[in-house]
């Protein structure tokens, strides 16, 4: 199926007249007619607008290809485990940092006591 056939099929499926679609895009009805009769093609800006109007990808409009890549599953089990392990790592890093500060404080305090109070 050619781009002109896809454009006409999508317009009719959405029940737009050429005039209505032209108005939405800010072009003439004749431009729509030329696109659908394979006498011209929409520019990239109109391809993007058409993909938004018809809720299809620009690849589908241009090449007739549906989305073939697997959509990202945001709430997948693997992602949740990765997030959980990241939080665990951050907690361990925080505890290690606090522990280091506490040890440095104790050594400093011990040094000050020995220095100023004459402890051995």
N, C-alpha and C. Protein backbone atom coordinates (compact mmCIF):
# COMPACT_ATOMS: atom_id res chain seq x y z
N UNK A 1 0.85 -1.18 0.00
CA UNK A 1 0.00 0.00 0.00
C UNK A 1 0.90 1.24 0.00
N UNK A 2 0.61 2.18 -0.84
CA UNK A 2 1.42 3.40 -0.95
C UNK A 2 1.02 4.41 0.13
N UNK A 3 1.86 5.43 0.28
CA UNK A 3 1.55 6.48 1.27
C UNK A 3 0.23 7.16 0.93
N UNK A 4 -0.03 7.35 -0.36
CA UNK A 4 -1.29 8.01 -0.75
C UNK A 4 -2.49 7.16 -0.35
N UNK A 5 -2.37 5.84 -0.52
CA UNK A 5 -3.47 4.94 -0.13
C UNK A 5 -3.65 4.92 1.39
N UNK A 6 -2.54 4.93 2.13
CA UNK A 6 -2.63 4.94 3.59
C UNK A 6 -3.29 6.22 4.08
N UNK A 7 -2.90 7.35 3.48
CA UNK A 7 -3.47 8.63 3.89
C UNK A 7 -4.98 8.66 3.66
N UNK A 8 -5.40 8.18 2.49
CA UNK A 8 -6.83 8.18 2.19
C UNK A 8 -7.58 7.22 3.11
N UNK A 9 -7.02 6.04 3.32
CA UNK A 9 -7.65 5.04 4.18
C UNK A 9 -7.81 5.58 5.61
N UNK A 10 -6.76 6.20 6.14
CA UNK A 10 -6.82 6.73 7.50
C UNK A 10 -7.83 7.87 7.61
N UNK A 11 -7.84 8.75 6.62
CA UNK A 11 -8.79 9.87 6.65
C UNK A 11 -10.22 9.36 6.65
N UNK A 12 -10.50 8.39 5.79
CA UNK A 12 -11.86 7.85 5.72
C UNK A 12 -12.22 7.08 6.99
N UNK A 13 -11.25 6.38 7.55
CA UNK A 13 -11.48 5.64 8.80
C UNK A 13 -11.85 6.60 9.93
N UNK A 14 -11.22 7.76 9.95
CA UNK A 14 -11.50 8.76 10.98
C UNK A 14 -12.70 9.64 10.62
N UNK A 15 -13.28 9.39 9.45
CA UNK A 15 -14.47 10.10 8.96
C UNK A 15 -14.26 11.61 8.81
N UNK A 16 -13.08 11.97 8.32
CA UNK A 16 -12.80 13.36 7.98
C UNK A 16 -13.03 13.54 6.49
N UNK A 17 -13.59 14.69 6.14
CA UNK A 17 -13.61 15.05 4.72
C UNK A 17 -12.23 15.65 4.40
N UNK A 18 -11.93 15.77 3.13
CA UNK A 18 -10.66 16.39 2.76
C UNK A 18 -10.61 17.83 3.28
N UNK A 19 -11.74 18.50 3.23
CA UNK A 19 -11.83 19.88 3.70
C UNK A 19 -11.55 19.96 5.21
N UNK A 20 -12.15 19.06 5.99
CA UNK A 20 -11.94 19.06 7.44
C UNK A 20 -10.47 18.80 7.80
N UNK A 21 -9.89 17.82 7.13
CA UNK A 21 -8.49 17.49 7.40
C UNK A 21 -7.58 18.66 6.99
N UNK A 22 -7.87 19.26 5.85
CA UNK A 22 -7.08 20.40 5.38
C UNK A 22 -7.11 21.53 6.41
N UNK A 23 -8.28 21.77 6.98
CA UNK A 23 -8.42 22.82 7.98
C UNK A 23 -7.60 22.50 9.23
N UNK A 24 -7.62 21.24 9.66
CA UNK A 24 -6.83 20.82 10.84
C UNK A 24 -5.34 21.02 10.61
N UNK A 25 -4.90 20.79 9.38
CA UNK A 25 -3.48 20.87 9.06
C UNK A 25 -3.04 22.26 8.62
N UNK A 26 -4.00 23.10 8.28
CA UNK A 26 -3.65 24.43 7.78
C UNK A 26 -3.16 24.40 6.34
N UNK A 27 -3.72 23.48 5.54
CA UNK A 27 -3.38 23.39 4.12
C UNK A 27 -4.68 23.46 3.32
N UNK A 28 -4.55 23.44 2.02
CA UNK A 28 -5.76 23.48 1.17
C UNK A 28 -6.31 22.07 0.97
N UNK A 29 -7.59 22.03 0.59
CA UNK A 29 -8.20 20.75 0.26
C UNK A 29 -7.50 20.12 -0.93
N UNK A 30 -7.03 20.97 -1.84
CA UNK A 30 -6.34 20.48 -3.02
C UNK A 30 -5.03 19.76 -2.64
N UNK A 31 -4.37 20.24 -1.59
CA UNK A 31 -3.14 19.58 -1.14
C UNK A 31 -3.46 18.16 -0.66
N UNK A 32 -4.55 18.03 0.10
CA UNK A 32 -4.96 16.70 0.58
C UNK A 32 -5.27 15.81 -0.62
N UNK A 33 -5.98 16.35 -1.59
CA UNK A 33 -6.33 15.60 -2.79
C UNK A 33 -5.08 15.13 -3.53
N UNK A 34 -4.08 16.00 -3.65
CA UNK A 34 -2.83 15.62 -4.33
C UNK A 34 -2.10 14.52 -3.58
N UNK A 35 -2.07 14.61 -2.24
CA UNK A 35 -1.40 13.58 -1.45
C UNK A 35 -2.08 12.23 -1.64
N UNK A 36 -3.42 12.25 -1.67
CA UNK A 36 -4.17 11.00 -1.76
C UNK A 36 -4.21 10.44 -3.18
N UNK A 37 -3.92 11.25 -4.17
CA UNK A 37 -3.90 10.76 -5.55
C UNK A 37 -2.47 10.56 -6.06
N UNK A 38 -1.53 10.58 -5.14
CA UNK A 38 -0.12 10.31 -5.44
C UNK A 38 0.49 11.34 -6.40
N UNK A 39 -0.01 12.57 -6.33
CA UNK A 39 0.53 13.65 -7.16
C UNK A 39 1.48 14.55 -6.36
N UNK A 40 1.64 14.23 -5.10
CA UNK A 40 2.52 14.99 -4.22
C UNK A 40 2.55 14.31 -2.86
N UNK A 41 3.46 14.73 -2.02
CA UNK A 41 3.58 14.17 -0.68
C UNK A 41 3.61 15.28 0.36
N UNK A 42 3.06 15.01 1.53
CA UNK A 42 3.13 16.01 2.60
C UNK A 42 4.57 16.21 3.06
N UNK A 43 4.88 17.42 3.51
CA UNK A 43 6.23 17.66 4.04
C UNK A 43 6.34 17.02 5.43
N UNK A 44 7.52 17.04 6.00
CA UNK A 44 7.77 16.34 7.26
C UNK A 44 6.90 16.89 8.40
N UNK A 45 6.68 18.20 8.42
CA UNK A 45 5.83 18.77 9.47
C UNK A 45 4.40 18.24 9.38
N UNK A 46 3.89 18.11 8.16
CA UNK A 46 2.53 17.58 8.00
C UNK A 46 2.49 16.08 8.27
N UNK A 47 3.57 15.36 7.97
CA UNK A 47 3.63 13.93 8.32
C UNK A 47 3.50 13.77 9.83
N UNK A 48 4.22 14.61 10.56
CA UNK A 48 4.16 14.55 12.03
C UNK A 48 2.76 14.87 12.51
N UNK A 49 2.16 15.94 11.98
CA UNK A 49 0.79 16.30 12.37
C UNK A 49 -0.19 15.18 12.04
N UNK A 50 -0.05 14.58 10.85
CA UNK A 50 -0.95 13.49 10.45
C UNK A 50 -0.80 12.29 11.39
N UNK A 51 0.43 11.99 11.79
CA UNK A 51 0.64 10.86 12.69
C UNK A 51 -0.03 11.11 14.03
N UNK A 52 -0.03 12.37 14.47
CA UNK A 52 -0.70 12.72 15.73
C UNK A 52 -2.22 12.66 15.58
N UNK A 53 -2.73 13.16 14.47
CA UNK A 53 -4.18 13.15 14.23
C UNK A 53 -4.70 11.72 14.16
N UNK A 54 -3.97 10.86 13.45
CA UNK A 54 -4.42 9.48 13.24
C UNK A 54 -3.92 8.51 14.31
N UNK A 55 -3.06 9.01 15.21
CA UNK A 55 -2.50 8.18 16.27
C UNK A 55 -1.76 6.97 15.71
N UNK A 56 -0.91 7.23 14.73
CA UNK A 56 -0.05 6.20 14.14
C UNK A 56 1.37 6.76 14.10
N UNK A 57 2.34 5.89 13.91
CA UNK A 57 3.73 6.35 13.84
C UNK A 57 4.01 6.98 12.48
N UNK A 58 5.02 7.83 12.46
CA UNK A 58 5.45 8.40 11.19
C UNK A 58 6.00 7.30 10.28
N UNK A 59 6.61 6.27 10.87
CA UNK A 59 7.08 5.13 10.07
C UNK A 59 5.92 4.47 9.34
N UNK A 60 4.80 4.34 10.03
CA UNK A 60 3.64 3.72 9.38
C UNK A 60 3.17 4.59 8.20
N UNK A 61 3.10 5.89 8.42
CA UNK A 61 2.66 6.77 7.33
C UNK A 61 3.62 6.70 6.14
N UNK A 62 4.91 6.74 6.42
CA UNK A 62 5.90 6.80 5.34
C UNK A 62 6.18 5.46 4.69
N UNK A 63 6.28 4.41 5.50
CA UNK A 63 6.71 3.11 4.96
C UNK A 63 5.68 2.01 5.11
N UNK A 64 4.62 2.27 5.86
CA UNK A 64 3.61 1.24 6.06
C UNK A 64 3.99 0.22 7.11
N UNK A 65 5.03 0.53 7.89
CA UNK A 65 5.49 -0.41 8.91
C UNK A 65 4.86 -0.07 10.25
N UNK A 66 4.30 -1.08 10.85
CA UNK A 66 3.79 -0.91 12.20
C UNK A 66 4.96 -0.98 13.15
N UNK A 67 4.71 -0.60 14.39
CA UNK A 67 5.78 -0.63 15.39
C UNK A 67 6.24 -2.07 15.58
N UNK A 68 7.54 -2.30 15.37
CA UNK A 68 8.04 -3.66 15.51
C UNK A 68 8.90 -3.83 16.75
N UNK A 69 9.36 -2.73 17.31
CA UNK A 69 10.16 -2.87 18.52
C UNK A 69 9.26 -3.11 19.72
N UNK A 70 9.77 -3.87 20.66
CA UNK A 70 9.00 -4.21 21.86
C UNK A 70 8.91 -2.97 22.75
N UNK A 71 7.72 -2.60 23.17
CA UNK A 71 7.60 -1.44 24.04
C UNK A 71 8.28 -1.71 25.39
N UNK A 72 8.79 -0.67 26.00
CA UNK A 72 9.45 -0.81 27.30
C UNK A 72 8.38 -1.01 28.36
N UNK A 73 8.58 -2.03 29.17
CA UNK A 73 7.66 -2.29 30.27
C UNK A 73 8.22 -1.62 31.51
N UNK A 74 7.62 -0.51 31.87
CA UNK A 74 8.14 0.28 32.98
C UNK A 74 7.95 -0.44 34.31
N UNK A 75 6.87 -1.14 34.47
CA UNK A 75 6.60 -1.80 35.74
C UNK A 75 6.92 -3.28 35.72
N UNK A 76 7.86 -3.69 34.88
CA UNK A 76 8.19 -5.10 34.80
C UNK A 76 8.88 -5.56 36.08
N UNK A 77 8.82 -6.86 36.32
CA UNK A 77 9.43 -7.43 37.52
C UNK A 77 10.93 -7.15 37.57
N UNK A 78 11.59 -7.27 36.42
CA UNK A 78 13.03 -7.02 36.35
C UNK A 78 13.36 -5.58 36.72
N UNK A 79 12.57 -4.63 36.23
CA UNK A 79 12.81 -3.23 36.57
C UNK A 79 12.60 -2.97 38.05
N UNK A 80 11.57 -3.59 38.62
CA UNK A 80 11.32 -3.42 40.05
C UNK A 80 12.47 -3.97 40.87
N UNK A 81 13.02 -5.12 40.44
CA UNK A 81 14.16 -5.69 41.15
C UNK A 81 15.39 -4.79 41.03
N UNK A 82 15.60 -4.22 39.85
CA UNK A 82 16.73 -3.30 39.65
C UNK A 82 16.59 -2.06 40.53
N UNK A 83 15.39 -1.55 40.62
CA UNK A 83 15.14 -0.38 41.46
C UNK A 83 15.38 -0.73 42.92
N UNK A 84 14.88 -1.90 43.31
CA UNK A 84 15.04 -2.35 44.69
C UNK A 84 16.51 -2.52 45.04
N UNK A 85 17.29 -3.14 44.14
CA UNK A 85 18.72 -3.35 44.41
C UNK A 85 19.45 -2.01 44.43
N UNK A 86 19.02 -1.06 43.63
CA UNK A 86 19.61 0.28 43.65
C UNK A 86 19.36 0.98 44.97
N UNK A 87 18.15 0.83 45.50
CA UNK A 87 17.82 1.42 46.79
C UNK A 87 18.64 0.76 47.90
N UNK A 88 18.80 -0.56 47.82
CA UNK A 88 19.59 -1.28 48.81
C UNK A 88 21.03 -0.79 48.78
N UNK A 89 21.59 -0.63 47.59
CA UNK A 89 22.97 -0.14 47.46
C UNK A 89 23.10 1.25 48.05
N UNK A 90 22.12 2.12 47.78
CA UNK A 90 22.16 3.48 48.32
C UNK A 90 22.10 3.47 49.84
N UNK A 91 21.30 2.59 50.41
CA UNK A 91 21.23 2.48 51.88
C UNK A 91 22.56 2.02 52.45
N UNK A 92 23.17 1.01 51.82
CA UNK A 92 24.47 0.53 52.29
C UNK A 92 25.52 1.62 52.19
N UNK A 93 25.50 2.36 51.12
CA UNK A 93 26.44 3.46 50.94
C UNK A 93 26.24 4.53 52.01
N UNK A 94 25.00 4.82 52.34
CA UNK A 94 24.69 5.80 53.38
C UNK A 94 25.20 5.32 54.73
N UNK A 95 24.95 4.06 55.07
CA UNK A 95 25.41 3.49 56.34
C UNK A 95 26.93 3.51 56.42
N UNK A 96 27.60 3.16 55.32
CA UNK A 96 29.06 3.18 55.30
C UNK A 96 29.58 4.61 55.51
N UNK A 97 28.94 5.57 54.92
CA UNK A 97 29.34 6.97 55.08
C UNK A 97 29.18 7.44 56.51
N UNK A 98 28.04 7.14 57.11
CA UNK A 98 27.78 7.52 58.50
C UNK A 98 28.78 6.84 59.42
N UNK A 99 29.05 5.56 59.17
CA UNK A 99 30.02 4.81 59.99
C UNK A 99 31.40 5.44 59.90
N UNK A 100 31.82 5.81 58.72
CA UNK A 100 33.13 6.45 58.53
C UNK A 100 33.20 7.76 59.29
N UNK A 101 32.16 8.55 59.21
CA UNK A 101 32.12 9.83 59.94
C UNK A 101 32.19 9.58 61.44
N UNK A 102 31.45 8.58 61.93
CA UNK A 102 31.46 8.26 63.36
C UNK A 102 32.85 7.83 63.82
N UNK A 103 33.52 6.99 63.06
CA UNK A 103 34.87 6.53 63.41
C UNK A 103 35.84 7.70 63.42
N UNK A 104 35.77 8.57 62.41
CA UNK A 104 36.64 9.75 62.37
C UNK A 104 36.39 10.66 63.57
N UNK A 105 35.14 10.82 63.94
CA UNK A 105 34.79 11.64 65.10
C UNK A 105 35.39 11.04 66.37
N UNK A 106 35.27 9.72 66.55
CA UNK A 106 35.81 9.07 67.74
C UNK A 106 37.33 9.21 67.81
N UNK A 107 38.02 9.01 66.69
CA UNK A 107 39.48 9.18 66.67
C UNK A 107 39.86 10.62 66.99
N UNK A 108 39.14 11.58 66.42
CA UNK A 108 39.42 12.99 66.69
C UNK A 108 39.18 13.32 68.15
N UNK A 109 38.09 12.83 68.69
CA UNK A 109 37.74 13.08 70.09
C UNK A 109 38.80 12.48 71.01
N UNK A 110 39.22 11.25 70.72
CA UNK A 110 40.25 10.59 71.52
C UNK A 110 41.56 11.38 71.45
N UNK A 111 41.94 11.84 70.28
CA UNK A 111 43.16 12.62 70.11
C UNK A 111 43.09 13.91 70.92
N UNK A 112 41.94 14.61 70.85
CA UNK A 112 41.79 15.86 71.59
C UNK A 112 41.84 15.64 73.09
N UNK A 113 41.23 14.59 73.57
CA UNK A 113 41.25 14.28 75.00
C UNK A 113 42.68 14.03 75.45
N UNK A 114 43.41 13.22 74.70
CA UNK A 114 44.80 12.92 75.07
C UNK A 114 45.67 14.18 75.01
N UNK A 115 45.44 15.02 74.03
CA UNK A 115 46.26 16.21 73.85
C UNK A 115 46.00 17.25 74.93
N UNK A 116 44.75 17.55 75.20
CA UNK A 116 44.43 18.65 76.11
C UNK A 116 44.25 18.23 77.55
N UNK A 117 43.95 16.99 77.81
CA UNK A 117 43.76 16.55 79.19
C UNK A 117 44.95 15.73 79.68
N UNK A 118 45.92 15.53 78.82
CA UNK A 118 47.13 14.84 79.22
C UNK A 118 46.96 13.36 79.42
N UNK A 119 45.99 12.78 78.80
CA UNK A 119 45.81 11.33 78.93
C UNK A 119 46.87 10.59 78.16
N UNK A 120 47.19 9.37 78.59
CA UNK A 120 48.24 8.59 77.94
C UNK A 120 47.68 7.77 76.86
